[in-house]
Amino acid sequence: AELVLVVKKQFCQTMAPASFIDEE
């Protein structure tokens, strides 16, 4: 890699079908 970012997890959530505003 030419750039590496180390990320500490803080949040995880599954995208909810009912949350979509754009049905397309």
mmCIF file of all heavy atoms, coordinates in Angstrom:
data_MODEL
# 
_entry.id   MODEL 
# 
loop_
_atom_site.group_PDB 
_atom_site.id 
_atom_site.type_symbol 
_atom_site.label_atom_id 
_atom_site.label_alt_id 
_atom_site.label_comp_id 
_atom_site.label_asym_id 
_atom_site.label_entity_id 
_atom_site.label_seq_id 
_atom_site.pdbx_PDB_ins_code 
_atom_site.Cartn_x 
_atom_site.Cartn_y 
_atom_site.Cartn_z 
_atom_site.occupancy 
_atom_site.B_iso_or_equiv 
_atom_site.pdbx_formal_charge 
_atom_site.auth_seq_id 
_atom_site.auth_comp_id 
_atom_site.auth_asym_id 
_atom_site.auth_atom_id 
_atom_site.pdbx_PDB_model_num 
ATOM 1   N N   . ALA A 1 1  ? 0.818   -1.216 0.000  1.00 0.00 ? 1  ALA A N   1 
ATOM 2   C CA  . ALA A 1 1  ? 0.000   0.000  0.000  1.00 0.00 ? 1  ALA A CA  1 
ATOM 3   C C   . ALA A 1 1  ? 0.851   1.265  0.000  1.00 0.00 ? 1  ALA A C   1 
ATOM 4   O O   . ALA A 1 1  ? 1.975   1.277  0.500  1.00 0.00 ? 1  ALA A O   1 
ATOM 5   C CB  . ALA A 1 1  ? -0.915  0.017  1.218  1.00 0.00 ? 1  ALA A CB  1 
ATOM 6   N N   . GLU A 1 2  ? 0.282   2.328  -0.571 1.00 0.00 ? 2  GLU A N   1 
ATOM 7   C CA  . GLU A 1 2  ? 0.926   3.636  -0.498 1.00 0.00 ? 2  GLU A CA  1 
ATOM 8   C C   . GLU A 1 2  ? 0.323   4.463  0.637  1.00 0.00 ? 2  GLU A C   1 
ATOM 9   O O   . GLU A 1 2  ? 0.927   5.412  1.087  1.00 0.00 ? 2  GLU A O   1 
ATOM 10  C CB  . GLU A 1 2  ? 0.849   4.364  -1.830 1.00 0.00 ? 2  GLU A CB  1 
ATOM 11  C CG  . GLU A 1 2  ? -0.534  4.551  -2.393 1.00 0.00 ? 2  GLU A CG  1 
ATOM 12  C CD  . GLU A 1 2  ? -0.515  5.076  -3.820 1.00 0.00 ? 2  GLU A CD  1 
ATOM 13  O OE1 . GLU A 1 2  ? 0.565   5.172  -4.429 1.00 0.00 ? 2  GLU A OE1 1 
ATOM 14  O OE2 . GLU A 1 2  ? -1.602  5.387  -4.331 1.00 0.00 ? 2  GLU A OE2 1 
ATOM 15  N N   . LEU A 1 3  ? -0.860  4.070  1.106  1.00 0.00 ? 3  LEU A N   1 
ATOM 16  C CA  . LEU A 1 3  ? -1.505  4.687  2.262  1.00 0.00 ? 3  LEU A CA  1 
ATOM 17  C C   . LEU A 1 3  ? -2.280  3.614  2.998  1.00 0.00 ? 3  LEU A C   1 
ATOM 18  O O   . LEU A 1 3  ? -3.009  2.834  2.375  1.00 0.00 ? 3  LEU A O   1 
ATOM 19  C CB  . LEU A 1 3  ? -2.459  5.812  1.828  1.00 0.00 ? 3  LEU A CB  1 
ATOM 20  C CG  . LEU A 1 3  ? -3.312  6.445  2.929  1.00 0.00 ? 3  LEU A CG  1 
ATOM 21  C CD1 . LEU A 1 3  ? -2.446  7.182  3.953  1.00 0.00 ? 3  LEU A CD1 1 
ATOM 22  C CD2 . LEU A 1 3  ? -4.351  7.402  2.331  1.00 0.00 ? 3  LEU A CD2 1 
ATOM 23  N N   . VAL A 1 4  ? -2.108  3.562  4.322  1.00 0.00 ? 4  VAL A N   1 
ATOM 24  C CA  . VAL A 1 4  ? -2.841  2.625  5.163  1.00 0.00 ? 4  VAL A CA  1 
ATOM 25  C C   . VAL A 1 4  ? -3.488  3.411  6.299  1.00 0.00 ? 4  VAL A C   1 
ATOM 26  O O   . VAL A 1 4  ? -2.825  4.222  6.956  1.00 0.00 ? 4  VAL A O   1 
ATOM 27  C CB  . VAL A 1 4  ? -1.920  1.531  5.758  1.00 0.00 ? 4  VAL A CB  1 
ATOM 28  C CG1 . VAL A 1 4  ? -2.681  0.671  6.772  1.00 0.00 ? 4  VAL A CG1 1 
ATOM 29  C CG2 . VAL A 1 4  ? -1.321  0.675  4.662  1.00 0.00 ? 4  VAL A CG2 1 
ATOM 30  N N   . LEU A 1 5  ? -4.764  3.158  6.523  1.00 0.00 ? 5  LEU A N   1 
ATOM 31  C CA  . LEU A 1 5  ? -5.479  3.749  7.644  1.00 0.00 ? 5  LEU A CA  1 
ATOM 32  C C   . LEU A 1 5  ? -5.876  2.622  8.594  1.00 0.00 ? 5  LEU A C   1 
ATOM 33  O O   . LEU A 1 5  ? -6.477  1.634  8.171  1.00 0.00 ? 5  LEU A O   1 
ATOM 34  C CB  . LEU A 1 5  ? -6.733  4.487  7.161  1.00 0.00 ? 5  LEU A CB  1 
ATOM 35  C CG  . LEU A 1 5  ? -6.493  5.551  6.092  1.00 0.00 ? 5  LEU A CG  1 
ATOM 36  C CD1 . LEU A 1 5  ? -7.815  6.154  5.638  1.00 0.00 ? 5  LEU A CD1 1 
ATOM 37  C CD2 . LEU A 1 5  ? -5.540  6.621  6.588  1.00 0.00 ? 5  LEU A CD2 1 
ATOM 38  N N   . VAL A 1 6  ? -5.534  2.784  9.862  1.00 0.00 ? 6  VAL A N   1 
ATOM 39  C CA  . VAL A 1 6  ? -5.912  1.820  10.884 1.00 0.00 ? 6  VAL A CA  1 
ATOM 40  C C   . VAL A 1 6  ? -7.169  2.359  11.554 1.00 0.00 ? 6  VAL A C   1 
ATOM 41  O O   . VAL A 1 6  ? -7.172  3.487  12.071 1.00 0.00 ? 6  VAL A O   1 
ATOM 42  C CB  . VAL A 1 6  ? -4.790  1.612  11.921 1.00 0.00 ? 6  VAL A CB  1 
ATOM 43  C CG1 . VAL A 1 6  ? -5.210  0.592  12.971 1.00 0.00 ? 6  VAL A CG1 1 
ATOM 44  C CG2 . VAL A 1 6  ? -3.493  1.182  11.225 1.00 0.00 ? 6  VAL A CG2 1 
ATOM 45  N N   . VAL A 1 7  ? -8.224  1.553  11.533 1.00 0.00 ? 7  VAL A N   1 
ATOM 46  C CA  . VAL A 1 7  ? -9.541  2.000  11.968 1.00 0.00 ? 7  VAL A CA  1 
ATOM 47  C C   . VAL A 1 7  ? -9.997  1.189  13.179 1.00 0.00 ? 7  VAL A C   1 
ATOM 48  O O   . VAL A 1 7  ? -10.047 -0.044 13.131 1.00 0.00 ? 7  VAL A O   1 
ATOM 49  C CB  . VAL A 1 7  ? -10.566 1.853  10.821 1.00 0.00 ? 7  VAL A CB  1 
ATOM 50  C CG1 . VAL A 1 7  ? -11.935 2.360  11.254 1.00 0.00 ? 7  VAL A CG1 1 
ATOM 51  C CG2 . VAL A 1 7  ? -10.083 2.586  9.567  1.00 0.00 ? 7  VAL A CG2 1 
ATOM 52  N N   . LYS A 1 8  ? -10.341 1.902  14.243 1.00 0.00 ? 8  LYS A N   1 
ATOM 53  C CA  . LYS A 1 8  ? -10.897 1.278  15.460 1.00 0.00 ? 8  LYS A CA  1 
ATOM 54  C C   . LYS A 1 8  ? -12.415 1.288  15.328 1.00 0.00 ? 8  LYS A C   1 
ATOM 55  O O   . LYS A 1 8  ? -13.041 2.338  15.217 1.00 0.00 ? 8  LYS A O   1 
ATOM 56  C CB  . LYS A 1 8  ? -10.477 2.063  16.700 1.00 0.00 ? 8  LYS A CB  1 
ATOM 57  C CG  . LYS A 1 8  ? -11.051 1.508  17.982 1.00 0.00 ? 8  LYS A CG  1 
ATOM 58  C CD  . LYS A 1 8  ? -10.651 2.376  19.162 1.00 0.00 ? 8  LYS A CD  1 
ATOM 59  C CE  . LYS A 1 8  ? -11.294 1.862  20.431 1.00 0.00 ? 8  LYS A CE  1 
ATOM 60  N NZ  . LYS A 1 8  ? -11.053 2.772  21.556 1.00 0.00 ? 8  LYS A NZ  1 
ATOM 61  N N   . LYS A 1 9  ? -13.013 0.102  15.337 1.00 0.00 ? 9  LYS A N   1 
ATOM 62  C CA  . LYS A 1 9  ? -14.465 0.007  15.182 1.00 0.00 ? 9  LYS A CA  1 
ATOM 63  C C   . LYS A 1 9  ? -15.175 0.732  16.325 1.00 0.00 ? 9  LYS A C   1 
ATOM 64  O O   . LYS A 1 9  ? -14.809 0.573  17.486 1.00 0.00 ? 9  LYS A O   1 
ATOM 65  C CB  . LYS A 1 9  ? -14.930 -1.444 15.180 1.00 0.00 ? 9  LYS A CB  1 
ATOM 66  C CG  . LYS A 1 9  ? -14.607 -2.212 13.953 1.00 0.00 ? 9  LYS A CG  1 
ATOM 67  C CD  . LYS A 1 9  ? -15.256 -3.587 13.928 1.00 0.00 ? 9  LYS A CD  1 
ATOM 68  C CE  . LYS A 1 9  ? -15.243 -4.280 15.260 1.00 0.00 ? 9  LYS A CE  1 
ATOM 69  N NZ  . LYS A 1 9  ? -15.741 -5.643 15.259 1.00 0.00 ? 9  LYS A NZ  1 
ATOM 70  N N   . GLN A 1 10 ? -16.211 1.495  15.965 1.00 0.00 ? 10 GLN A N   1 
ATOM 71  C CA  . GLN A 1 10 ? -17.018 2.185  16.964 1.00 0.00 ? 10 GLN A CA  1 
ATOM 72  C C   . GLN A 1 10 ? -18.507 1.921  16.814 1.00 0.00 ? 10 GLN A C   1 
ATOM 73  O O   . GLN A 1 10 ? -19.264 2.092  17.757 1.00 0.00 ? 10 GLN A O   1 
ATOM 74  C CB  . GLN A 1 10 ? -16.782 3.697  16.876 1.00 0.00 ? 10 GLN A CB  1 
ATOM 75  C CG  . GLN A 1 10 ? -15.362 4.104  17.222 1.00 0.00 ? 10 GLN A CG  1 
ATOM 76  C CD  . GLN A 1 10 ? -15.191 5.606  17.145 1.00 0.00 ? 10 GLN A CD  1 
ATOM 77  O OE1 . GLN A 1 10 ? -15.399 6.200  16.099 1.00 0.00 ? 10 GLN A OE1 1 
ATOM 78  N NE2 . GLN A 1 10 ? -14.825 6.201  18.252 1.00 0.00 ? 10 GLN A NE2 1 
ATOM 79  N N   . PHE A 1 11 ? -18.923 1.519  15.616 1.00 0.00 ? 11 PHE A N   1 
ATOM 80  C CA  . PHE A 1 11 ? -20.355 1.389  15.344 1.00 0.00 ? 11 PHE A CA  1 
ATOM 81  C C   . PHE A 1 11 ? -20.556 0.421  14.193 1.00 0.00 ? 11 PHE A C   1 
ATOM 82  O O   . PHE A 1 11 ? -19.770 0.407  13.242 1.00 0.00 ? 11 PHE A O   1 
ATOM 83  C CB  . PHE A 1 11 ? -20.919 2.773  14.960 1.00 0.00 ? 11 PHE A CB  1 
ATOM 84  C CG  . PHE A 1 11 ? -22.384 2.789  14.630 1.00 0.00 ? 11 PHE A CG  1 
ATOM 85  C CD1 . PHE A 1 11 ? -23.331 2.939  15.627 1.00 0.00 ? 11 PHE A CD1 1 
ATOM 86  C CD2 . PHE A 1 11 ? -22.823 2.671  13.311 1.00 0.00 ? 11 PHE A CD2 1 
ATOM 87  C CE1 . PHE A 1 11 ? -24.689 2.969  15.320 1.00 0.00 ? 11 PHE A CE1 1 
ATOM 88  C CE2 . PHE A 1 11 ? -24.171 2.701  12.995 1.00 0.00 ? 11 PHE A CE2 1 
ATOM 89  C CZ  . PHE A 1 11 ? -25.111 2.853  14.006 1.00 0.00 ? 11 PHE A CZ  1 
ATOM 90  N N   . CYS A 1 12 ? -21.597 -0.375 14.279 1.00 0.00 ? 12 CYS A N   1 
ATOM 91  C CA  . CYS A 1 12 ? -21.980 -1.253 13.169 1.00 0.00 ? 12 CYS A CA  1 
ATOM 92  C C   . CYS A 1 12 ? -23.500 -1.368 13.165 1.00 0.00 ? 12 CYS A C   1 
ATOM 93  O O   . CYS A 1 12 ? -24.124 -1.556 14.220 1.00 0.00 ? 12 CYS A O   1 
ATOM 94  C CB  . CYS A 1 12 ? -21.362 -2.640 13.325 1.00 0.00 ? 12 CYS A CB  1 
ATOM 95  S SG  . CYS A 1 12 ? -21.868 -3.787 12.002 1.00 0.00 ? 12 CYS A SG  1 
ATOM 96  N N   . GLN A 1 13 ? -24.062 -1.238 11.974 1.00 0.00 ? 13 GLN A N   1 
ATOM 97  C CA  . GLN A 1 13 ? -25.503 -1.395 11.842 1.00 0.00 ? 13 GLN A CA  1 
ATOM 98  C C   . GLN A 1 13 ? -25.828 -1.897 10.443 1.00 0.00 ? 13 GLN A C   1 
ATOM 99  O O   . GLN A 1 13 ? -25.257 -1.410 9.458  1.00 0.00 ? 13 GLN A O   1 
ATOM 100 C CB  . GLN A 1 13 ? -26.220 -0.068 12.082 1.00 0.00 ? 13 GLN A CB  1 
ATOM 101 C CG  . GLN A 1 13 ? -27.723 -0.180 12.025 1.00 0.00 ? 13 GLN A CG  1 
ATOM 102 C CD  . GLN A 1 13 ? -28.402 1.120  12.420 1.00 0.00 ? 13 GLN A CD  1 
ATOM 103 O OE1 . GLN A 1 13 ? -27.909 2.197  12.131 1.00 0.00 ? 13 GLN A OE1 1 
ATOM 104 N NE2 . GLN A 1 13 ? -29.523 1.004  13.083 1.00 0.00 ? 13 GLN A NE2 1 
ATOM 105 N N   . THR A 1 14 ? -26.727 -2.848 10.362 1.00 0.00 ? 14 THR A N   1 
ATOM 106 C CA  . THR A 1 14 ? -27.182 -3.337 9.069  1.00 0.00 ? 14 THR A CA  1 
ATOM 107 C C   . THR A 1 14 ? -28.144 -2.322 8.474  1.00 0.00 ? 14 THR A C   1 
ATOM 108 O O   . THR A 1 14 ? -29.003 -1.795 9.166  1.00 0.00 ? 14 THR A O   1 
ATOM 109 C CB  . THR A 1 14 ? -27.883 -4.703 9.219  1.00 0.00 ? 14 THR A CB  1 
ATOM 110 O OG1 . THR A 1 14 ? -26.960 -5.624 9.818  1.00 0.00 ? 14 THR A OG1 1 
ATOM 111 C CG2 . THR A 1 14 ? -28.351 -5.244 7.877  1.00 0.00 ? 14 THR A CG2 1 
ATOM 112 N N   . MET A 1 15 ? -27.961 -2.058 7.191  1.00 0.00 ? 15 MET A N   1 
ATOM 113 C CA  . MET A 1 15 ? -28.879 -1.149 6.508  1.00 0.00 ? 15 MET A CA  1 
ATOM 114 C C   . MET A 1 15 ? -30.275 -1.765 6.536  1.00 0.00 ? 15 MET A C   1 
ATOM 115 O O   . MET A 1 15 ? -30.459 -2.912 6.130  1.00 0.00 ? 15 MET A O   1 
ATOM 116 C CB  . MET A 1 15 ? -28.436 -0.927 5.070  1.00 0.00 ? 15 MET A CB  1 
ATOM 117 C CG  . MET A 1 15 ? -27.144 -0.181 4.951  1.00 0.00 ? 15 MET A CG  1 
ATOM 118 S SD  . MET A 1 15 ? -26.751 0.012  3.198  1.00 0.00 ? 15 MET A SD  1 
ATOM 119 C CE  . MET A 1 15 ? -25.527 1.271  3.308  1.00 0.00 ? 15 MET A CE  1 
ATOM 120 N N   . ALA A 1 16 ? -31.224 -1.009 7.026  1.00 0.00 ? 16 ALA A N   1 
ATOM 121 C CA  . ALA A 1 16 ? -32.594 -1.502 7.156  1.00 0.00 ? 16 ALA A CA  1 
ATOM 122 C C   . ALA A 1 16 ? -33.392 -1.181 5.894  1.00 0.00 ? 16 ALA A C   1 
ATOM 123 O O   . ALA A 1 16 ? -33.386 -0.033 5.438  1.00 0.00 ? 16 ALA A O   1 
ATOM 124 C CB  . ALA A 1 16 ? -33.263 -0.871 8.368  1.00 0.00 ? 16 ALA A CB  1 
ATOM 125 N N   . PRO A 1 17 ? -34.082 -2.159 5.331  1.00 0.00 ? 17 PRO A N   1 
ATOM 126 C CA  . PRO A 1 17 ? -34.879 -1.908 4.119  1.00 0.00 ? 17 PRO A CA  1 
ATOM 127 C C   . PRO A 1 17 ? -35.858 -0.743 4.297  1.00 0.00 ? 17 PRO A C   1 
ATOM 128 O O   . PRO A 1 17 ? -36.042 0.058  3.389  1.00 0.00 ? 17 PRO A O   1 
ATOM 129 C CB  . PRO A 1 17 ? -35.623 -3.221 3.895  1.00 0.00 ? 17 PRO A CB  1 
ATOM 130 C CG  . PRO A 1 17 ? -34.820 -4.252 4.607  1.00 0.00 ? 17 PRO A CG  1 
ATOM 131 C CD  . PRO A 1 17 ? -34.161 -3.556 5.764  1.00 0.00 ? 17 PRO A CD  1 
ATOM 132 N N   . ALA A 1 18 ? -36.454 -0.634 5.467  1.00 0.00 ? 18 ALA A N   1 
ATOM 133 C CA  . ALA A 1 18 ? -37.437 0.420  5.710  1.00 0.00 ? 18 ALA A CA  1 
ATOM 134 C C   . ALA A 1 18 ? -36.806 1.809  5.776  1.00 0.00 ? 18 ALA A C   1 
ATOM 135 O O   . ALA A 1 18 ? -37.514 2.814  5.667  1.00 0.00 ? 18 ALA A O   1 
ATOM 136 C CB  . ALA A 1 18 ? -38.181 0.132  7.014  1.00 0.00 ? 18 ALA A CB  1 
ATOM 137 N N   . SER A 1 19 ? -35.485 1.885  5.920  1.00 0.00 ? 19 SER A N   1 
ATOM 138 C CA  . SER A 1 19 ? -34.806 3.178  6.028  1.00 0.00 ? 19 SER A CA  1 
ATOM 139 C C   . SER A 1 19 ? -34.499 3.807  4.676  1.00 0.00 ? 19 SER A C   1 
ATOM 140 O O   . SER A 1 19 ? -34.109 4.975  4.612  1.00 0.00 ? 19 SER A O   1 
ATOM 141 C CB  . SER A 1 19 ? -33.512 3.029  6.830  1.00 0.00 ? 19 SER A CB  1 
ATOM 142 O OG  . SER A 1 19 ? -33.817 2.661  8.158  1.00 0.00 ? 19 SER A OG  1 
ATOM 143 N N   . PHE A 1 20 ? -34.649 3.055  3.609  1.00 0.00 ? 20 PHE A N   1 
ATOM 144 C CA  . PHE A 1 20 ? -34.359 3.603  2.282  1.00 0.00 ? 20 PHE A CA  1 
ATOM 145 C C   . PHE A 1 20 ? -35.401 4.634  1.894  1.00 0.00 ? 20 PHE A C   1 
ATOM 146 O O   . PHE A 1 20 ? -36.601 4.372  1.934  1.00 0.00 ? 20 PHE A O   1 
ATOM 147 C CB  . PHE A 1 20 ? -34.315 2.491  1.227  1.00 0.00 ? 20 PHE A CB  1 
ATOM 148 C CG  . PHE A 1 20 ? -33.010 1.776  1.170  1.00 0.00 ? 20 PHE A CG  1 
ATOM 149 C CD1 . PHE A 1 20 ? -32.727 0.742  2.045  1.00 0.00 ? 20 PHE A CD1 1 
ATOM 150 C CD2 . PHE A 1 20 ? -32.051 2.141  0.243  1.00 0.00 ? 20 PHE A CD2 1 
ATOM 151 C CE1 . PHE A 1 20 ? -31.516 0.075  2.007  1.00 0.00 ? 20 PHE A CE1 1 
ATOM 152 C CE2 . PHE A 1 20 ? -30.823 1.485  0.195  1.00 0.00 ? 20 PHE A CE2 1 
ATOM 153 C CZ  . PHE A 1 20 ? -30.564 0.448  1.078  1.00 0.00 ? 20 PHE A CZ  1 
ATOM 154 N N   . ILE A 1 21 ? -34.948 5.787  1.523  1.00 0.00 ? 21 ILE A N   1 
ATOM 155 C CA  . ILE A 1 21 ? -35.815 6.833  0.992  1.00 0.00 ? 21 ILE A CA  1 
ATOM 156 C C   . ILE A 1 21 ? -35.897 6.677  -0.527 1.00 0.00 ? 21 ILE A C   1 
ATOM 157 O O   . ILE A 1 21 ? -36.946 6.858  -1.125 1.00 0.00 ? 21 ILE A O   1 
ATOM 158 C CB  . ILE A 1 21 ? -35.277 8.223  1.394  1.00 0.00 ? 21 ILE A CB  1 
ATOM 159 C CG1 . ILE A 1 21 ? -35.325 8.350  2.922  1.00 0.00 ? 21 ILE A CG1 1 
ATOM 160 C CG2 . ILE A 1 21 ? -36.038 9.345  0.709  1.00 0.00 ? 21 ILE A CG2 1 
ATOM 161 C CD1 . ILE A 1 21 ? -34.526 9.488  3.485  1.00 0.00 ? 21 ILE A CD1 1 
ATOM 162 N N   . ASP A 1 22 ? -34.774 6.312  -1.138 1.00 0.00 ? 22 ASP A N   1 
ATOM 163 C CA  . ASP A 1 22 ? -34.688 6.118  -2.580 1.00 0.00 ? 22 ASP A CA  1 
ATOM 164 C C   . ASP A 1 22 ? -34.938 4.644  -2.887 1.00 0.00 ? 22 ASP A C   1 
ATOM 165 O O   . ASP A 1 22 ? -34.032 3.808  -2.802 1.00 0.00 ? 22 ASP A O   1 
ATOM 166 C CB  . ASP A 1 22 ? -33.303 6.558  -3.075 1.00 0.00 ? 22 ASP A CB  1 
ATOM 167 C CG  . ASP A 1 22 ? -33.142 6.461  -4.577 1.00 0.00 ? 22 ASP A CG  1 
ATOM 168 O OD1 . ASP A 1 22 ? -34.004 5.850  -5.252 1.00 0.00 ? 22 ASP A OD1 1 
ATOM 169 O OD2 . ASP A 1 22 ? -32.135 6.987  -5.079 1.00 0.00 ? 22 ASP A OD2 1 
ATOM 170 N N   . GLU A 1 23 ? -36.161 4.331  -3.248 1.00 0.00 ? 23 GLU A N   1 
ATOM 171 C CA  . GLU A 1 23 ? -36.530 2.942  -3.540 1.00 0.00 ? 23 GLU A CA  1 
ATOM 172 C C   . GLU A 1 23 ? -35.778 2.392  -4.749 1.00 0.00 ? 23 GLU A C   1 
ATOM 173 O O   . GLU A 1 23 ? -35.507 1.199  -4.823 1.00 0.00 ? 23 GLU A O   1 
ATOM 174 C CB  . GLU A 1 23 ? -38.046 2.823  -3.758 1.00 0.00 ? 23 GLU A CB  1 
ATOM 175 C CG  . GLU A 1 23 ? -38.850 2.933  -2.472 1.00 0.00 ? 23 GLU A CG  1 
ATOM 176 C CD  . GLU A 1 23 ? -38.601 1.765  -1.521 1.00 0.00 ? 23 GLU A CD  1 
ATOM 177 O OE1 . GLU A 1 23 ? -38.501 0.611  -1.967 1.00 0.00 ? 23 GLU A OE1 1 
ATOM 178 O OE2 . GLU A 1 23 ? -38.504 2.023  -0.306 1.00 0.00 ? 23 GLU A OE2 1 
ATOM 179 N N   . GLU A 1 24 ? -35.427 3.266  -5.699 1.00 0.00 ? 24 GLU A N   1 
ATOM 180 C CA  . GLU A 1 24 ? -34.691 2.818  -6.876 1.00 0.00 ? 24 GLU A CA  1 
ATOM 181 C C   . GLU A 1 24 ? -33.299 2.306  -6.489 1.00 0.00 ? 24 GLU A C   1 
ATOM 182 O O   . GLU A 1 24 ? -32.828 1.315  -7.040 1.00 0.00 ? 24 GLU A O   1 
ATOM 183 C CB  . GLU A 1 24 ? -34.599 3.931  -7.917 1.00 0.00 ? 24 GLU A CB  1 
ATOM 184 C CG  . GLU A 1 24 ? -35.932 4.259  -8.573 1.00 0.00 ? 24 GLU A CG  1 
ATOM 185 C CD  . GLU A 1 24 ? -36.588 3.044  -9.224 1.00 0.00 ? 24 GLU A CD  1 
ATOM 186 O OE1 . GLU A 1 24 ? -35.899 2.307  -9.959 1.00 0.00 ? 24 GLU A OE1 1 
ATOM 187 O OE2 . GLU A 1 24 ? -37.796 2.824  -8.988 1.00 0.00 ? 24 GLU A OE2 1 
# 
